[in-house]
Amino acid sequence: MKIVFAGTPEFAAPALTTLAEAGHDIALVLTQPDRRSGRGLKTAPSPVKRTALALGLRVEQPATLKDPHIVAILRDVAPDVMVVAAYGLLLPPVVLGIPRRGCLNIHASLLPRWRGAAPIQRALLAGDAQTGISIMQMEAGLDTGPVLLREAIAITPEDTAQTLHDRLAVLGARLIVQVLGRDSEAVPQDATQATYAAKIERQEAQIDWQEAAFTIERRIRAFNPAPGAWTTCRGAMLKVWRASVGANGTGRPGTVTSVDSGVITVAAGGGTTLALYELQRAGGKRLPAGAFLSGLPLARGERLGE
């Protein structure tokens, strides 16, 4: 089957590789323009571009799909289907109508739950017991199209956005090959059950110690690896990478209630506590609590978040 593949981040790369390994004719890969990234702000290609070049595939990087030049290229390629995975650009109606079998999206949620930009993080923040992949027939609305195939996976208590991302990327790669290899019925979504996964804003990663410990713990996992949940300690930013809900206790939220070699316990809202196991000072490395305390000893009664 002749495919145009559109994707940008790491999430999309396994699907591109798996489609190529399955023997499909990937006539064109679309990915976003190279961006500046890293401490040196060097221009770098997207993970999908790196994967495509390694596979010897043709790559185009338009700033918009409304560009008549890229529309002409797509018409010339005349794909059977376009596969889209976290591409990051809107597909205008003219593009949606080009592939013979339409455009299929690999979406990281069980649609109609968590339509939108950040389904993995929103599922973790909400405390969902499961998530999954939906292969959706794309239409003009935001993730509103009918679903051809859906498969769920459990969200474990240890899952972070990174671990969940990695499992879903592999699942998405398997399911898109499965859909392309058979005739699948497109099942309309129940719009009354839809929820919206809004883009993550950096301020959401700030820990509010007035929240219950279980809510803060979800926030820490949802924002690992980016942007990283954070609080302040002695006036400087302090990121928290791993924590668990502790025993109920008393204390003003944000107050360190106990310190030992392997854990820092902090009072949270509603009489709950949070045990911190991995932290990072501004400009420093991620460290287990014991190593962190060797460089920055904390005492019972100290306040975080002030």
C-alpha atoms as a PDB file:
ATOM      1  CA  MET A   1       0.000   0.000   0.000  1.00  0.00           C
ATOM      2  CA  LYS A   2       1.320   3.457  -0.909  1.00  0.00           C
ATOM      3  CA  ILE A   3       1.544   5.596   2.231  1.00  0.00           C
ATOM      4  CA  VAL A   4       2.325   9.177   3.133  1.00  0.00           C
ATOM      5  CA  PHE A   5       3.437   9.245   6.764  1.00  0.00           C
ATOM      6  CA  ALA A   6       3.125  12.431   8.834  1.00  0.00           C
ATOM      7  CA  GLY A   7       4.706  12.605  12.287  1.00  0.00           C
ATOM      8  CA  THR A   8       7.294  14.461  14.307  1.00  0.00           C
ATOM      9  CA  PRO A   9       8.289  13.259  17.818  1.00  0.00           C
ATOM     10  CA  GLU A  10       9.596  10.009  19.280  1.00  0.00           C
ATOM     11  CA  PHE A  11       6.052   8.707  19.683  1.00  0.00           C
ATOM     12  CA  ALA A  12       5.661   8.494  15.890  1.00  0.00           C
ATOM     13  CA  ALA A  13       9.006   6.920  15.003  1.00  0.00           C
ATOM     14  CA  PRO A  14       8.150   3.272  15.889  1.00  0.00           C
ATOM     15  CA  ALA A  15       5.082   3.401  13.643  1.00  0.00           C
ATOM     16  CA  LEU A  16       7.163   4.620  10.695  1.00  0.00           C
ATOM     17  CA  THR A  17       9.736   1.867  11.213  1.00  0.00           C
ATOM     18  CA  THR A  18       7.088  -0.828  11.635  1.00  0.00           C
ATOM     19  CA  LEU A  19       5.209   0.237   8.497  1.00  0.00           C
ATOM     20  CA  ALA A  20       8.430   0.058   6.503  1.00  0.00           C
ATOM     21  CA  GLU A  21       9.287  -3.364   7.950  1.00  0.00           C
ATOM     22  CA  ALA A  22       5.788  -4.583   7.035  1.00  0.00           C
ATOM     23  CA  GLY A  23       6.583  -3.923   3.377  1.00  0.00           C
ATOM     24  CA  HIS A  24       4.406  -0.888   2.742  1.00  0.00           C
ATOM     25  CA  ASP A  25       5.498   1.633   0.110  1.00  0.00           C
ATOM     26  CA  ILE A  26       6.176   4.783   2.123  1.00  0.00           C
ATOM     27  CA  ALA A  27       6.337   7.257  -0.722  1.00  0.00           C
ATOM     28  CA  LEU A  28       6.740  10.386   1.393  1.00  0.00           C
ATOM     29  CA  VAL A  29       7.346  11.390   5.010  1.00  0.00           C
ATOM     30  CA  LEU A  30       6.094  14.707   6.329  1.00  0.00           C
ATOM     31  CA  THR A  31       7.576  16.120   9.508  1.00  0.00           C
ATOM     32  CA  GLN A  32       7.874  19.541  11.075  1.00  0.00           C
ATOM     33  CA  PRO A  33      10.811  21.828  10.222  1.00  0.00           C
ATOM     34  CA  ASP A  34      14.048  21.355  12.161  1.00  0.00           C
ATOM     35  CA  ARG A  35      13.979  23.169  15.512  1.00  0.00           C
ATOM     36  CA  ARG A  36      16.558  24.598  17.862  1.00  0.00           C
ATOM     37  CA  SER A  37      16.825  22.465  20.984  1.00  0.00           C
ATOM     38  CA  GLY A  38      19.141  21.538  23.834  1.00  0.00           C
ATOM     39  CA  ARG A  39      21.374  23.774  25.920  1.00  0.00           C
ATOM     40  CA  GLY A  40      23.302  24.936  22.880  1.00  0.00           C
ATOM     41  CA  LEU A  41      20.092  25.651  20.941  1.00  0.00           C
ATOM     42  CA  LYS A  42      21.469  23.828  17.939  1.00  0.00           C
ATOM     43  CA  THR A  43      19.128  23.116  15.035  1.00  0.00           C
ATOM     44  CA  ALA A  44      18.153  19.454  15.138  1.00  0.00           C
ATOM     45  CA  PRO A  45      15.955  17.218  12.974  1.00  0.00           C
ATOM     46  CA  SER A  46      12.859  15.597  14.458  1.00  0.00           C
ATOM     47  CA  PRO A  47      12.995  11.939  15.524  1.00  0.00           C
ATOM     48  CA  VAL A  48      10.754  11.077  12.560  1.00  0.00           C
ATOM     49  CA  LYS A  49      13.097  12.814  10.135  1.00  0.00           C
ATOM     50  CA  ARG A  50      16.069  10.908  11.537  1.00  0.00           C
ATOM     51  CA  THR A  51      14.170   7.643  11.212  1.00  0.00           C
ATOM     52  CA  ALA A  52      13.027   8.437   7.665  1.00  0.00           C
ATOM     53  CA  LEU A  53      16.511   9.319   6.478  1.00  0.00           C
ATOM     54  CA  ALA A  54      17.904   6.130   8.022  1.00  0.00           C
ATOM     55  CA  LEU A  55      15.294   4.212   6.027  1.00  0.00           C
ATOM     56  CA  GLY A  56      16.165   6.073   2.832  1.00  0.00           C
ATOM     57  CA  LEU A  57      12.766   7.743   2.545  1.00  0.00           C
ATOM     58  CA  ARG A  58      11.823  11.040   0.927  1.00  0.00           C
ATOM     59  CA  VAL A  59      11.180  13.792   3.498  1.00  0.00           C
ATOM     60  CA  GLU A  60       9.352  17.104   3.205  1.00  0.00           C
ATOM     61  CA  GLN A  61       9.144  19.653   6.053  1.00  0.00           C
ATOM     62  CA  PRO A  62       6.481  22.241   5.262  1.00  0.00           C
ATOM     63  CA  ALA A  63       5.626  24.938   7.797  1.00  0.00           C
ATOM     64  CA  THR A  64       1.963  24.499   6.843  1.00  0.00           C
ATOM     65  CA  LEU A  65      -0.030  22.021   4.793  1.00  0.00           C
ATOM     66  CA  LYS A  66      -1.941  24.889   3.224  1.00  0.00           C
ATOM     67  CA  ASP A  67       1.112  25.570   1.043  1.00  0.00           C
ATOM     68  CA  PRO A  68       0.038  24.947  -2.602  1.00  0.00           C
ATOM     69  CA  HIS A  69       3.453  23.438  -3.300  1.00  0.00           C
ATOM     70  CA  ILE A  70       3.050  20.670  -0.723  1.00  0.00           C
ATOM     71  CA  VAL A  71      -0.557  20.059  -1.808  1.00  0.00           C
ATOM     72  CA  ALA A  72       0.725  19.575  -5.367  1.00  0.00           C
ATOM     73  CA  ILE A  73       3.365  17.121  -4.117  1.00  0.00           C
ATOM     74  CA  LEU A  74       0.743  15.104  -2.258  1.00  0.00           C
ATOM     75  CA  ARG A  75      -1.486  14.969  -5.314  1.00  0.00           C
ATOM     76  CA  ASP A  76       1.448  13.837  -7.422  1.00  0.00           C
ATOM     77  CA  VAL A  77       2.325  11.086  -4.929  1.00  0.00           C
ATOM     78  CA  ALA A  78      -1.348   9.979  -4.955  1.00  0.00           C
ATOM     79  CA  PRO A  79      -1.170   7.867  -1.776  1.00  0.00           C
ATOM     80  CA  ASP A  80      -3.645   5.180  -0.863  1.00  0.00           C
ATOM     81  CA  VAL A  81      -3.632   6.433   2.725  1.00  0.00           C
ATOM     82  CA  MET A  82      -1.961   9.016   4.944  1.00  0.00           C
ATOM     83  CA  VAL A  83      -0.911   7.829   8.402  1.00  0.00           C
ATOM     84  CA  VAL A  84      -0.633  10.596  10.999  1.00  0.00           C
ATOM     85  CA  ALA A  85       1.016  10.257  14.411  1.00  0.00           C
ATOM     86  CA  ALA A  86       1.606  13.319  16.603  1.00  0.00           C
ATOM     87  CA  TYR A  87       2.438  15.410  13.539  1.00  0.00           C
ATOM     88  CA  GLY A  88       1.664  18.764  15.128  1.00  0.00           C
ATOM     89  CA  LEU A  89       0.181  20.481  12.068  1.00  0.00           C
ATOM     90  CA  LEU A  90      -3.480  20.677  11.105  1.00  0.00           C
ATOM     91  CA  LEU A  91      -4.565  18.808   7.996  1.00  0.00           C
ATOM     92  CA  PRO A  92      -6.790  21.119   5.909  1.00  0.00           C
ATOM     93  CA  PRO A  93      -9.776  19.658   4.034  1.00  0.00           C
ATOM     94  CA  VAL A  94      -7.880  19.702   0.740  1.00  0.00           C
ATOM     95  CA  VAL A  95      -5.236  17.371   2.217  1.00  0.00           C
ATOM     96  CA  LEU A  96      -7.758  15.133   3.980  1.00  0.00           C
ATOM     97  CA  GLY A  97      -9.372  14.468   0.615  1.00  0.00           C
ATOM     98  CA  ILE A  98      -6.245  13.437  -1.289  1.00  0.00           C
ATOM     99  CA  PRO A  99      -5.556   9.830  -0.120  1.00  0.00           C
ATOM    100  CA  ARG A 100      -7.836   7.200  -1.649  1.00  0.00           C
ATOM    101  CA  ARG A 101      -8.522   5.622   1.766  1.00  0.00           C
ATOM    102  CA  GLY A 102      -8.358   8.880   3.674  1.00  0.00           C
ATOM    103  CA  CYS A 103      -6.142   9.812   6.608  1.00  0.00           C
ATOM    104  CA  LEU A 104      -5.668   7.623   9.693  1.00  0.00           C
ATOM    105  CA  ASN A 105      -4.514   8.992  13.030  1.00  0.00           C
ATOM    106  CA  ILE A 106      -2.695   7.037  15.739  1.00  0.00           C
ATOM    107  CA  HIS A 107      -4.087   8.657  18.887  1.00  0.00           C
ATOM    108  CA  ALA A 108      -2.773   7.898  22.381  1.00  0.00           C
ATOM    109  CA  SER A 109      -6.070   7.510  24.228  1.00  0.00           C
ATOM    110  CA  LEU A 110      -9.288   5.535  24.218  1.00  0.00           C
ATOM    111  CA  LEU A 111     -11.350   7.977  22.197  1.00  0.00           C
ATOM    112  CA  PRO A 112     -13.589   9.825  22.820  1.00  0.00           C
ATOM    113  CA  ARG A 113     -11.767  10.224  26.149  1.00  0.00           C
ATOM    114  CA  TRP A 114      -8.880  12.686  25.937  1.00  0.00           C
ATOM    115  CA  ARG A 115      -9.194  14.228  22.527  1.00  0.00           C
ATOM    116  CA  GLY A 116      -6.481  16.797  21.972  1.00  0.00           C
ATOM    117  CA  ALA A 117      -2.806  17.506  22.438  1.00  0.00           C
ATOM    118  CA  ALA A 118      -1.794  15.861  25.740  1.00  0.00           C
ATOM    119  CA  PRO A 119      -3.758  12.633  26.254  1.00  0.00           C
ATOM    120  CA  ILE A 120      -0.982  10.779  28.085  1.00  0.00           C
ATOM    121  CA  GLN A 121      -0.408  13.473  30.707  1.00  0.00           C
ATOM    122  CA  ARG A 122      -4.125  14.125  31.188  1.00  0.00           C
ATOM    123  CA  ALA A 123      -4.833  10.432  31.786  1.00  0.00           C
ATOM    124  CA  LEU A 124      -2.167  10.348  34.494  1.00  0.00           C
ATOM    125  CA  LEU A 125      -3.356  13.581  36.094  1.00  0.00           C
ATOM    126  CA  ALA A 126      -6.919  12.278  36.219  1.00  0.00           C
ATOM    127  CA  GLY A 127      -5.872   9.028  37.851  1.00  0.00           C
ATOM    128  CA  ASP A 128      -7.287   6.912  35.015  1.00  0.00           C
ATOM    129  CA  ALA A 129      -6.937   3.163  35.490  1.00  0.00           C
ATOM    130  CA  GLN A 130      -6.339   2.579  31.788  1.00  0.00           C
ATOM    131  CA  THR A 131      -5.576   4.267  28.516  1.00  0.00           C
ATOM    132  CA  GLY A 132      -4.705   2.934  25.080  1.00  0.00           C
ATOM    133  CA  ILE A 133      -4.463   3.576  21.358  1.00  0.00           C
ATOM    134  CA  SER A 134      -7.253   4.496  18.968  1.00  0.00           C
ATOM    135  CA  ILE A 135      -6.768   4.300  15.202  1.00  0.00           C
ATOM    136  CA  MET A 136      -9.134   6.990  13.953  1.00  0.00           C
ATOM    137  CA  GLN A 137     -10.358   8.021  10.510  1.00  0.00           C
ATOM    138  CA  MET A 138      -9.542  11.712  10.402  1.00  0.00           C
ATOM    139  CA  GLU A 139     -12.084  14.420   9.623  1.00  0.00           C
ATOM    140  CA  ALA A 140     -12.218  18.191  10.044  1.00  0.00           C
ATOM    141  CA  GLY A 141     -13.003  18.119  13.810  1.00  0.00           C
ATOM    142  CA  LEU A 142     -10.386  17.699  16.558  1.00  0.00           C
ATOM    143  CA  ASP A 143     -10.055  13.919  17.060  1.00  0.00           C
ATOM    144  CA  THR A 144     -13.766  13.491  16.335  1.00  0.00           C
ATOM    145  CA  GLY A 145     -13.593  10.896  13.547  1.00  0.00           C
ATOM    146  CA  PRO A 146     -14.826   7.305  13.728  1.00  0.00           C
ATOM    147  CA  VAL A 147     -12.537   4.700  15.293  1.00  0.00           C
ATOM    148  CA  LEU A 148     -11.368   1.668  13.302  1.00  0.00           C
ATOM    149  CA  LEU A 149      -9.473  -0.088  16.081  1.00  0.00           C
ATOM    150  CA  ARG A 150      -8.961   0.523  19.796  1.00  0.00           C
ATOM    151  CA  GLU A 151      -6.883  -1.362  22.358  1.00  0.00           C
ATOM    152  CA  ALA A 152      -6.520  -0.612  26.068  1.00  0.00           C
ATOM    153  CA  ILE A 153      -3.567  -0.990  28.428  1.00  0.00           C
ATOM    154  CA  ALA A 154      -3.501  -0.609  32.206  1.00  0.00           C
ATOM    155  CA  ILE A 155      -1.859   2.421  33.800  1.00  0.00           C
ATOM    156  CA  THR A 156       0.326   1.123  36.620  1.00  0.00           C
ATOM    157  CA  PRO A 157       1.005   3.048  39.853  1.00  0.00           C
ATOM    158  CA  GLU A 158       4.626   3.434  38.711  1.00  0.00           C
ATOM    159  CA  ASP A 159       3.885   4.762  35.227  1.00  0.00           C
ATOM    160  CA  THR A 160       5.236   8.157  34.246  1.00  0.00           C
ATOM    161  CA  ALA A 161       4.464  10.081  31.081  1.00  0.00           C
ATOM    162  CA  GLN A 162       7.672   8.614  29.639  1.00  0.00           C
ATOM    163  CA  THR A 163       6.973   4.954  30.405  1.00  0.00           C
ATOM    164  CA  LEU A 164       3.377   5.250  29.250  1.00  0.00           C
ATOM    165  CA  HIS A 165       4.496   7.078  26.090  1.00  0.00           C
ATOM    166  CA  ASP A 166       6.945   4.307  25.249  1.00  0.00           C
ATOM    167  CA  ARG A 167       4.402   1.506  25.670  1.00  0.00           C
ATOM    168  CA  LEU A 168       1.757   3.361  23.675  1.00  0.00           C
ATOM    169  CA  ALA A 169       4.176   4.125  20.841  1.00  0.00           C
ATOM    170  CA  VAL A 170       4.877   0.407  20.408  1.00  0.00           C
ATOM    171  CA  LEU A 171       1.170  -0.413  20.624  1.00  0.00           C
ATOM    172  CA  GLY A 172       0.298   2.267  18.069  1.00  0.00           C
ATOM    173  CA  ALA A 173       2.851   0.868  15.631  1.00  0.00           C
ATOM    174  CA  ARG A 174       1.336  -2.603  15.910  1.00  0.00           C
ATOM    175  CA  LEU A 175      -2.261  -1.444  15.569  1.00  0.00           C
ATOM    176  CA  ILE A 176      -1.729   0.738  12.491  1.00  0.00           C
ATOM    177  CA  VAL A 177      -0.172  -2.198  10.627  1.00  0.00           C
ATOM    178  CA  GLN A 178      -3.088  -4.356  11.742  1.00  0.00           C
ATOM    179  CA  VAL A 179      -5.651  -1.834  10.458  1.00  0.00           C
ATOM    180  CA  LEU A 180      -3.955  -1.482   7.084  1.00  0.00           C
ATOM    181  CA  GLY A 181      -3.917  -5.248   6.655  1.00  0.00           C
ATOM    182  CA  ARG A 182      -7.650  -5.774   6.934  1.00  0.00           C
ATOM    183  CA  ASP A 183     -11.057  -4.225   6.350  1.00  0.00           C
ATOM    184  CA  SER A 184     -12.160  -2.494   9.555  1.00  0.00           C
ATOM    185  CA  GLU A 185     -15.526  -1.006  10.417  1.00  0.00           C
ATOM    186  CA  ALA A 186     -15.327   2.644  11.418  1.00  0.00           C
ATOM    187  CA  VAL A 187     -17.347   3.107  14.616  1.00  0.00           C
ATOM    188  CA  PRO A 188     -18.581   6.659  15.335  1.00  0.00           C
ATOM    189  CA  GLN A 189     -17.493   8.171  18.642  1.00  0.00           C
ATOM    190  CA  ASP A 190     -20.022   8.988  21.361  1.00  0.00           C
ATOM    191  CA  ALA A 191     -19.518  12.746  21.593  1.00  0.00           C
ATOM    192  CA  THR A 192     -21.359  12.876  24.932  1.00  0.00           C
ATOM    193  CA  GLN A 193     -18.450  10.960  26.499  1.00  0.00           C
ATOM    194  CA  ALA A 194     -15.718  13.202  25.089  1.00  0.00           C
ATOM    195  CA  THR A 195     -13.099  14.864  27.281  1.00  0.00           C
ATOM    196  CA  TYR A 196     -10.441  17.328  26.149  1.00  0.00           C
ATOM    197  CA  ALA A 197      -6.711  16.877  26.736  1.00  0.00           C
ATOM    198  CA  ALA A 198      -5.533  20.476  26.688  1.00  0.00           C
ATOM    199  CA  LYS A 199      -1.904  21.285  25.918  1.00  0.00           C
ATOM    200  CA  ILE A 200       0.306  21.213  29.011  1.00  0.00           C
ATOM    201  CA  GLU A 201       1.281  24.644  30.313  1.00  0.00           C
ATOM    202  CA  ARG A 202       4.505  25.020  32.284  1.00  0.00           C
ATOM    203  CA  GLN A 203       2.757  26.568  35.283  1.00  0.00           C
ATOM    204  CA  GLU A 204       0.797  23.340  35.761  1.00  0.00           C
ATOM    205  CA  ALA A 205       4.005  21.642  36.839  1.00  0.00           C
ATOM    206  CA  GLN A 206       4.335  23.773  39.973  1.00  0.00           C
ATOM    207  CA  ILE A 207       3.470  21.757  43.063  1.00  0.00           C
ATOM    208  CA  ASP A 208       0.686  23.164  45.209  1.00  0.00           C
ATOM    209  CA  TRP A 209       1.235  21.692  48.647  1.00  0.00           C
ATOM    210  CA  GLN A 210      -2.362  22.493  49.572  1.00  0.00           C
ATOM    211  CA  GLU A 211      -3.402  19.655  47.270  1.00  0.00           C
ATOM    212  CA  ALA A 212      -3.719  16.135  48.634  1.00  0.00           C
ATOM    213  CA  ALA A 213      -0.626  13.952  48.374  1.00  0.00           C
ATOM    214  CA  PHE A 214      -2.215  11.595  45.815  1.00  0.00           C
ATOM    215  CA  THR A 215      -2.923  14.550  43.505  1.00  0.00           C
ATOM    216  CA  ILE A 216       0.651  15.835  43.797  1.00  0.00           C
ATOM    217  CA  GLU A 217       2.047  12.347  43.190  1.00  0.00           C
ATOM    218  CA  ARG A 218       0.035  12.087  39.958  1.00  0.00           C
ATOM    219  CA  ARG A 219       1.374  15.472  38.894  1.00  0.00           C
ATOM    220  CA  ILE A 220       4.943  14.315  39.443  1.00  0.00           C
ATOM    221  CA  ARG A 221       4.433  11.241  37.251  1.00  0.00           C
ATOM    222  CA  ALA A 222       2.470  13.132  34.576  1.00  0.00           C
ATOM    223  CA  PHE A 223       5.220  15.733  34.153  1.00  0.00           C
ATOM    224  CA  ASN A 224       8.112  13.280  34.064  1.00  0.00           C
ATOM    225  CA  PRO A 225      10.152  13.857  31.913  1.00  0.00           C
ATOM    226  CA  ALA A 226       8.788  17.247  30.832  1.00  0.00           C
ATOM    227  CA  PRO A 227       8.404  19.857  32.087  1.00  0.00           C
ATOM    228  CA  GLY A 228       9.161  18.291  35.481  1.00  0.00           C
ATOM    229  CA  ALA A 229       7.081  18.920  38.619  1.00  0.00           C
ATOM    230  CA  TRP A 230       8.711  21.536  40.808  1.00  0.00           C
ATOM    231  CA  THR A 231       8.561  23.436  44.039  1.00  0.00           C
ATOM    232  CA  THR A 232      10.984  25.826  45.718  1.00  0.00           C
ATOM    233  CA  CYS A 233      13.502  25.229  48.481  1.00  0.00           C
ATOM    234  CA  ARG A 234      15.318  28.119  50.140  1.00  0.00           C
ATOM    235  CA  GLY A 235      14.263  30.381  47.295  1.00  0.00           C
ATOM    236  CA  ALA A 236      15.524  28.157  44.455  1.00  0.00           C
ATOM    237  CA  MET A 237      13.689  25.788  42.124  1.00  0.00           C
ATOM    238  CA  LEU A 238      13.571  22.161  43.215  1.00  0.00           C
ATOM    239  CA  LYS A 239      12.265  19.463  40.879  1.00  0.00           C
ATOM    240  CA  VAL A 240      10.719  16.300  42.247  1.00  0.00           C
ATOM    241  CA  TRP A 241      11.012  13.251  39.995  1.00  0.00           C
ATOM    242  CA  ARG A 242       9.801  10.392  42.162  1.00  0.00           C
ATOM    243  CA  ALA A 243       7.513  10.276  45.181  1.00  0.00           C
ATOM    244  CA  SER A 244       4.805   8.236  46.857  1.00  0.00           C
ATOM    245  CA  VAL A 245       1.892   8.917  49.128  1.00  0.00           C
ATOM    246  CA  GLY A 246       2.953   8.605  52.763  1.00  0.00           C
ATOM    247  CA  ALA A 247       1.030   7.933  55.934  1.00  0.00           C
ATOM    248  CA  ASN A 248      -1.547  10.447  57.085  1.00  0.00           C
ATOM    249  CA  GLY A 249      -0.140  13.087  59.369  1.00  0.00           C
ATOM    250  CA  THR A 250      -0.394  16.620  60.585  1.00  0.00           C
ATOM    251  CA  GLY A 251       1.505  19.712  59.624  1.00  0.00           C
ATOM    252  CA  ARG A 252       1.228  22.822  57.562  1.00  0.00           C
ATOM    253  CA  PRO A 253       1.294  21.882  53.846  1.00  0.00           C
ATOM    254  CA  GLY A 254       4.811  22.187  52.430  1.00  0.00           C
ATOM    255  CA  THR A 255       6.507  21.499  55.769  1.00  0.00           C
ATOM    256  CA  VAL A 256       9.224  18.833  55.969  1.00  0.00           C
ATOM    257  CA  THR A 257       7.947  16.450  58.640  1.00  0.00           C
ATOM    258  CA  SER A 258      10.788  13.920  58.635  1.00  0.00           C
ATOM    259  CA  VAL A 259      14.157  13.322  56.997  1.00  0.00           C
ATOM    260  CA  ASP A 260      16.255  10.188  56.823  1.00  0.00           C
ATOM    261  CA  SER A 261      18.891   8.822  54.470  1.00  0.00           C
ATOM    262  CA  GLY A 262      16.444   7.569  51.843  1.00  0.00           C
ATOM    263  CA  VAL A 263      13.336   9.731  52.011  1.00  0.00           C
ATOM    264  CA  ILE A 264      12.115  13.265  52.714  1.00  0.00           C
ATOM    265  CA  THR A 265       8.529  13.415  53.959  1.00  0.00           C
ATOM    266  CA  VAL A 266       6.507  16.580  53.380  1.00  0.00           C
ATOM    267  CA  ALA A 267       3.062  17.524  54.664  1.00  0.00           C
ATOM    268  CA  ALA A 268       0.400  18.030  51.976  1.00  0.00           C
ATOM    269  CA  GLY A 269      -3.247  19.042  51.986  1.00  0.00           C
ATOM    270  CA  GLY A 270      -6.011  17.240  53.826  1.00  0.00           C
ATOM    271  CA  GLY A 271      -3.760  15.712  56.461  1.00  0.00           C
ATOM    272  CA  THR A 272      -1.749  13.719  53.905  1.00  0.00           C
ATOM    273  CA  THR A 273       1.997  13.427  53.409  1.00  0.00           C
ATOM    274  CA  LEU A 274       4.222  12.865  50.407  1.00  0.00           C
ATOM    275  CA  ALA A 275       7.472  10.890  50.535  1.00  0.00           C
ATOM    276  CA  LEU A 276      10.122  12.265  48.139  1.00  0.00           C
ATOM    277  CA  TYR A 277      12.686   9.828  46.715  1.00  0.00           C
ATOM    278  CA  GLU A 278      14.359  11.595  43.780  1.00  0.00           C
ATOM    279  CA  LEU A 279      15.051  15.327  43.481  1.00  0.00           C
ATOM    280  CA  GLN A 280      17.031  17.834  41.449  1.00  0.00           C
ATOM    281  CA  ARG A 281      18.329  21.256  42.410  1.00  0.00           C
ATOM    282  CA  ALA A 282      18.471  24.001  39.777  1.00  0.00           C
ATOM    283  CA  GLY A 283      21.535  23.351  37.626  1.00  0.00           C
ATOM    284  CA  GLY A 284      22.177  20.005  39.309  1.00  0.00           C
ATOM    285  CA  LYS A 285      21.624  16.338  38.580  1.00  0.00           C
ATOM    286  CA  ARG A 286      18.688  14.117  39.443  1.00  0.00           C
ATOM    287  CA  LEU A 287      19.648  12.430  42.709  1.00  0.00           C
ATOM    288  CA  PRO A 288      18.190   9.894  45.121  1.00  0.00           C
ATOM    289  CA  ALA A 289      17.035  11.583  48.322  1.00  0.00           C
ATOM    290  CA  GLY A 290      20.023  10.320  50.296  1.00  0.00           C
ATOM    291  CA  ALA A 291      22.564  11.772  47.873  1.00  0.00           C
ATOM    292  CA  PHE A 292      20.518  14.960  47.606  1.00  0.00           C
ATOM    293  CA  LEU A 293      20.590  15.424  51.380  1.00  0.00           C
ATOM    294  CA  SER A 294      24.366  15.037  51.398  1.00  0.00           C
ATOM    295  CA  GLY A 295      24.629  18.190  49.300  1.00  0.00           C
ATOM    296  CA  LEU A 296      21.680  20.075  50.791  1.00  0.00           C
ATOM    297  CA  PRO A 297      20.805  18.923  54.294  1.00  0.00           C
ATOM    298  CA  LEU A 298      17.180  19.604  55.150  1.00  0.00           C
ATOM    299  CA  ALA A 299      15.784  19.707  58.648  1.00  0.00           C
ATOM    300  CA  ARG A 300      12.396  18.846  60.029  1.00  0.00           C
ATOM    301  CA  GLY A 301      10.227  21.955  60.016  1.00  0.00           C
ATOM    302  CA  GLU A 302      11.733  23.490  56.860  1.00  0.00           C
ATOM    303  CA  ARG A 303       9.224  24.779  54.326  1.00  0.00           C
ATOM    304  CA  LEU A 304       9.023  23.972  50.630  1.00  0.00           C
ATOM    305  CA  GLY A 305       7.156  26.127  48.162  1.00  0.00           C
ATOM    306  CA  GLU A 306       7.953  29.492  49.742  1.00  0.00           C
END
